[in-house]
Structures are given as structure tokens and as C-alpha cells.
Amino acid sequence: MRSLPILSLAALAVVLTACAAPSAGTAASGWAMAPRSDRGSDRATERPAERPRTGAVRIVAERPERPGAATPRPSGAAPGLAAGLMIPVEGIEVSQLRDSFHAPRSGGRTHNAIDIAAPTGTPVVAVVDGRISRKHWNSLGGRTLYLTSADGTHDFYYAHLDAYADDVEIGTEVRRGDVLGTVGSTGNAQGPHLHFQVLRKTGSGRGTPVNPYDVLTRSPLYAGR
């Protein structure tokens, strides 16, 4: 092997020393390092990905309706009667009903009820679940009774009955469609018919008359169907 000149070895050592020493802006590993001020700037402008917010928007249209959810009450419907009433006389179709609610009566009165004509002895039924709150005779209505709704909001007045059902007494609880009595012509009546009145209870008084025709014809229900 030939030996290198001493001068050449010295020059090579200087070059190697210069390459091994890290510069001011270079890390010992050889990776370029950003100045401190630049690193701080990057840290300030760097943002983590924004996390989507949950619950910010509720999609109501895609939610199915709850069973039994309340529906808007038809215009003019009496509170508590939106579900409709059962036709109070068996065998009568809604097309046979006549609106005589505003018909004049003697002494300046108005009818405030409807008359449902049917043969004597035709069964009369409860229009809603409730209880018998009154049962009596008077000169105008003849054999009468009052049915109070289970929620206590309405009274239903039946008049001119020919007879009561055997198990109907004051306090008797009944279900819609139960027979309460039969059509007759007792009291001040011309021909057999049921005088049927709906009263919205407003306190200690008799109640405010509601036109039965409007309620019965809106969503008619029939006994035995």
C-alpha cells in the first residue's frame, strides 16, 4: 500500500471536521429545523379538525307519529267530544238525523236538542262511557235520565223514554253502547221519539247546550258494529 502524503491527510481531516459540525440552523441528526419564531407561528395557525356537533338539528319530519297522539280538534267541535258519539237510538243511520237544535219552542225557548224518531220500544243506548247521574219523571220530558261522561265534562239528557233498562239506577256505571231504556212518548211528546240533549258542564249550573247534530254527524258510531 502506498502511503498518502502528510499534507493530503491534513487537508482531508479539515474537510471531515467541517462536515461533521452542525450548523446554526441544522439539527445534529441532519434534519432542517425551523426557527423558533416559525414554529410558534405554525402552532398558532394549526387547528384540529372541527368535531361535528350532535343534536344541533332535530329532524322531526322523519320521526313517526306516536300512537294515540293528539290530533287537532275540528273547528267548532266541543271539548271532550272530538272522538264522536254513538248514535243513541239503535238502528238509526246518521242520514236519518235532523238538526232541530235551534227550533223555537213555547215561551220563547229554543229546542237546544234534537229529536230522533223511532218506534216505541226501540233500544236507547249510552253514547259514551260514564254513569247515570239522574233518573226521574217530569211533565215535559216524561221518563228521563242523565248520563254523565266518565271524564265529567258533559251530561247527556234522554227524554220521553217508554221504559228504563232493568239495571239502570242512579250511580250505575255504563259503557258506550249499553242499553239504557227504550224510545217512547212520555211527557209532552207528539209521537214516539228520543229527545236527546248534550250539555257541556261549566260549573254548578245545568251546563251549556251543545248541538248534538254536529257531533253525531261528524264521526258517527253505531251500537253493535
Protein backbone atom coordinates (compact mmCIF):
# COMPACT_ATOMS: atom_id res chain seq x y z
CA MET A 1 0.00 0.00 0.00
CA ARG A 2 1.23 3.48 -0.88
CA SER A 3 1.17 5.98 1.97
CA LEU A 4 -0.57 9.29 1.37
CA PRO A 5 1.39 12.43 1.69
CA ILE A 6 1.14 14.07 5.09
CA LEU A 7 -0.27 17.28 3.54
CA SER A 8 -3.11 15.39 1.86
CA LEU A 9 -4.06 13.69 5.13
CA ALA A 10 -4.22 17.02 6.91
CA ALA A 11 -6.47 18.51 4.23
CA LEU A 12 -8.84 15.55 4.41
CA ALA A 13 -9.13 15.91 8.19
CA VAL A 14 -10.16 19.54 7.85
CA VAL A 15 -12.90 18.66 5.34
CA LEU A 16 -14.29 15.88 7.53
CA THR A 17 -14.35 18.11 10.59
CA ALA A 18 -16.29 20.81 8.72
CA CYS A 19 -18.93 18.30 7.54
CA ALA A 20 -19.42 16.78 10.99
CA ALA A 21 -20.06 20.06 12.83
CA PRO A 22 -23.82 21.06 12.89
CA SER A 23 -24.66 24.46 11.54
CA ALA A 24 -26.79 27.00 13.44
CA GLY A 25 -29.95 26.06 11.57
CA THR A 26 -29.33 22.32 11.34
CA ALA A 27 -30.04 19.58 13.90
CA ALA A 28 -27.38 17.08 14.77
CA SER A 29 -29.37 14.41 13.00
CA GLY A 30 -29.17 16.27 9.74
CA TRP A 31 -32.94 17.33 9.62
CA ALA A 32 -33.59 21.01 8.91
CA MET A 33 -35.09 22.73 12.00
CA ALA A 34 -37.41 25.68 11.61
CA PRO A 35 -36.55 28.81 13.53
CA ARG A 36 -38.32 29.13 16.92
CA SER A 37 -40.43 32.03 15.70
CA ASP A 38 -41.65 30.00 12.74
CA ARG A 39 -42.54 27.02 14.93
CA GLY A 40 -44.59 29.26 17.17
CA SER A 41 -46.43 30.66 14.16
CA ASP A 42 -47.26 27.16 12.90
CA ARG A 43 -48.58 26.20 16.30
CA ALA A 44 -50.86 29.24 16.41
CA THR A 45 -52.43 28.67 12.99
CA GLU A 46 -52.68 24.90 13.21
CA ARG A 47 -56.28 23.81 14.19
CA PRO A 48 -57.53 20.36 14.97
CA ALA A 49 -60.31 19.12 12.71
CA GLU A 50 -63.59 20.57 13.95
CA ARG A 51 -65.71 17.92 15.65
CA PRO A 52 -69.25 17.76 14.23
CA ARG A 53 -71.83 18.90 16.77
CA THR A 54 -74.53 16.38 17.51
CA GLY A 55 -78.08 17.32 18.43
CA ALA A 56 -77.82 20.75 16.85
CA VAL A 57 -80.65 19.92 14.40
CA ARG A 58 -83.63 17.67 15.14
CA ILE A 59 -85.27 16.07 12.11
CA VAL A 60 -88.88 15.97 13.17
CA ALA A 61 -90.32 15.01 9.80
CA GLU A 62 -88.65 11.62 9.85
CA ARG A 63 -89.92 10.73 13.32
CA PRO A 64 -93.03 8.50 13.18
CA GLU A 65 -96.11 9.75 14.91
CA ARG A 66 -96.69 8.40 18.39
CA PRO A 67 -99.67 6.04 18.60
CA GLY A 68 -102.60 7.83 20.09
CA ALA A 69 -101.01 11.18 19.53
CA ALA A 70 -103.40 14.03 19.96
CA THR A 71 -104.91 15.32 16.69
CA PRO A 72 -106.13 18.86 16.03
CA ARG A 73 -109.75 19.35 17.12
CA PRO A 74 -112.07 20.06 14.19
CA SER A 75 -113.31 23.63 14.04
CA GLY A 76 -116.39 24.08 16.20
CA ALA A 77 -116.03 20.75 17.99
CA ALA A 78 -116.94 20.74 21.65
CA PRO A 79 -114.04 19.90 24.00
CA GLY A 80 -114.17 16.27 25.06
CA LEU A 81 -116.37 15.23 22.12
CA ALA A 82 -113.74 15.14 19.35
CA ALA A 83 -113.84 11.32 19.21
CA GLY A 84 -117.53 11.38 18.32
CA LEU A 85 -120.63 9.90 19.95
CA MET A 86 -122.55 6.71 19.40
CA ILE A 87 -125.94 7.20 17.74
CA PRO A 88 -128.22 6.96 20.82
CA VAL A 89 -131.04 5.01 19.13
CA GLU A 90 -130.36 1.54 17.74
CA GLY A 91 -130.99 1.10 14.02
CA ILE A 92 -130.85 4.81 13.19
CA GLU A 93 -128.44 5.88 10.45
CA VAL A 94 -126.75 9.26 10.51
CA SER A 95 -128.64 10.20 7.33
CA GLN A 96 -131.91 9.96 9.29
CA LEU A 97 -130.92 12.61 11.83
CA ARG A 98 -132.39 16.11 11.57
CA ASP A 99 -130.97 19.29 13.07
CA SER A 100 -133.71 20.80 15.24
CA PHE A 101 -131.34 22.35 17.79
CA HIS A 102 -132.43 25.94 17.11
CA ALA A 103 -136.12 25.19 16.57
CA PRO A 104 -138.41 27.56 18.55
CA ARG A 105 -140.48 26.28 21.45
CA SER A 106 -143.28 27.79 23.53
CA GLY A 107 -142.48 30.61 25.93
CA GLY A 108 -139.67 31.98 23.77
CA ARG A 109 -137.50 28.90 24.31
CA THR A 110 -135.37 27.14 21.74
CA HIS A 111 -135.17 23.38 21.48
CA ASN A 112 -131.44 23.08 22.38
CA ALA A 113 -131.63 19.36 21.49
CA ILE A 114 -132.56 17.07 18.64
CA ASP A 115 -135.46 14.64 18.31
CA ILE A 116 -134.78 11.17 16.92
CA ALA A 117 -137.97 9.46 15.75
CA ALA A 118 -138.22 5.69 16.16
CA PRO A 119 -140.91 3.13 17.03
CA THR A 120 -141.90 2.72 20.67
CA GLY A 121 -139.69 0.15 22.36
CA THR A 122 -136.60 0.76 20.20
CA PRO A 123 -133.48 0.41 22.39
CA VAL A 124 -131.74 3.61 23.50
CA VAL A 125 -128.01 3.31 24.27
CA ALA A 126 -125.23 5.14 26.10
CA VAL A 127 -123.36 7.43 23.73
CA VAL A 128 -120.16 7.38 25.86
CA ASP A 129 -118.70 5.59 28.86
CA GLY A 130 -119.98 7.15 32.08
CA ARG A 131 -122.50 6.82 34.88
CA ILE A 132 -126.18 7.54 35.41
CA SER A 133 -126.31 10.78 37.40
CA ARG A 134 -130.09 11.42 37.40
CA LYS A 135 -133.21 9.41 36.70
CA HIS A 136 -136.65 10.93 37.18
CA TRP A 137 -140.05 11.85 35.77
CA ASN A 138 -141.15 15.35 34.81
CA SER A 139 -144.15 16.77 32.98
CA LEU A 140 -142.21 17.90 29.91
CA GLY A 141 -139.65 15.13 29.46
CA GLY A 142 -141.70 12.29 30.93
CA ARG A 143 -139.41 9.41 31.83
CA THR A 144 -135.88 10.87 31.66
CA LEU A 145 -132.29 10.22 32.66
CA TYR A 146 -128.91 11.96 32.63
CA LEU A 147 -125.70 10.20 31.63
CA THR A 148 -122.51 11.95 32.81
CA SER A 149 -119.35 11.23 30.80
CA ALA A 150 -116.52 9.35 32.53
CA ASP A 151 -114.31 12.45 32.41
CA GLY A 152 -117.06 14.55 34.00
CA THR A 153 -117.10 17.17 31.24
CA HIS A 154 -120.54 16.52 29.70
CA ASP A 155 -124.07 15.45 30.57
CA PHE A 156 -126.34 13.70 28.07
CA TYR A 157 -130.07 14.10 28.60
CA TYR A 158 -132.51 11.41 27.38
CA ALA A 159 -136.23 12.21 27.50
CA HIS A 160 -139.65 10.72 26.61
CA LEU A 161 -138.44 7.17 27.36
CA ASP A 162 -141.05 4.45 27.40
CA ALA A 163 -139.09 2.40 29.96
CA TYR A 164 -135.71 2.15 31.67
CA ALA A 165 -133.45 -0.87 31.36
CA ASP A 166 -133.76 -3.12 34.43
CA ASP A 167 -130.22 -2.48 35.71
CA VAL A 168 -130.18 1.30 35.21
CA GLU A 169 -130.16 3.20 38.51
CA ILE A 170 -128.56 6.44 39.74
CA GLY A 171 -124.85 5.75 40.08
CA THR A 172 -124.83 2.85 37.62
CA GLU A 173 -121.65 2.83 35.54
CA VAL A 174 -122.22 2.11 31.87
CA ARG A 175 -120.14 1.55 28.76
CA ARG A 176 -120.76 3.11 25.39
CA GLY A 177 -123.42 1.05 23.62
CA ASP A 178 -125.09 -0.28 26.80
CA VAL A 179 -128.89 -0.20 26.62
CA LEU A 180 -130.36 2.43 28.95
CA GLY A 181 -134.04 2.17 28.06
CA THR A 182 -136.44 2.35 25.13
CA VAL A 183 -137.95 5.03 22.91
CA GLY A 184 -141.39 6.27 23.97
CA SER A 185 -143.70 9.28 24.02
CA THR A 186 -144.00 10.02 27.75
CA GLY A 187 -144.35 13.61 28.93
CA ASN A 188 -145.04 16.39 26.43
CA ALA A 189 -144.32 14.44 23.25
CA GLN A 190 -146.12 14.07 19.96
CA GLY A 191 -145.35 10.58 18.74
CA PRO A 192 -142.55 8.28 19.89
CA HIS A 193 -139.07 9.77 19.71
CA LEU A 194 -135.95 10.35 21.78
CA HIS A 195 -135.31 13.92 22.90
CA PHE A 196 -131.50 13.99 23.10
CA GLN A 197 -129.50 16.86 24.56
CA VAL A 198 -125.76 17.42 25.14
CA LEU A 199 -124.68 19.76 27.94
CA ARG A 200 -121.11 20.93 28.45
CA LYS A 201 -120.58 21.25 32.20
CA THR A 202 -119.42 24.71 33.20
CA GLY A 203 -119.71 24.58 36.99
CA SER A 204 -122.62 24.17 39.34
CA GLY A 205 -125.26 25.08 36.75
CA ARG A 206 -127.07 22.84 34.28
CA GLY A 207 -124.39 23.30 31.62
CA THR A 208 -124.13 24.87 28.18
CA PRO A 209 -126.10 23.17 25.38
CA VAL A 210 -124.01 21.77 22.52
CA ASN A 211 -125.67 20.88 19.23
CA PRO A 212 -125.83 17.04 19.19
CA TYR A 213 -126.35 17.02 15.43
CA ASP A 214 -122.90 18.49 14.81
CA VAL A 215 -121.19 15.89 16.99
CA LEU A 216 -123.20 12.86 15.89
CA THR A 217 -122.80 13.55 12.17
CA ARG A 218 -119.07 14.31 12.33
CA SER A 219 -117.85 10.87 13.46
CA PRO A 220 -120.91 8.63 13.88
CA LEU A 221 -120.59 5.39 15.84
CA TYR A 222 -123.22 2.67 15.83
CA ALA A 223 -124.25 0.19 18.51
CA GLY A 224 -123.42 -3.40 17.64
CA ARG A 225 -120.98 -2.52 14.84
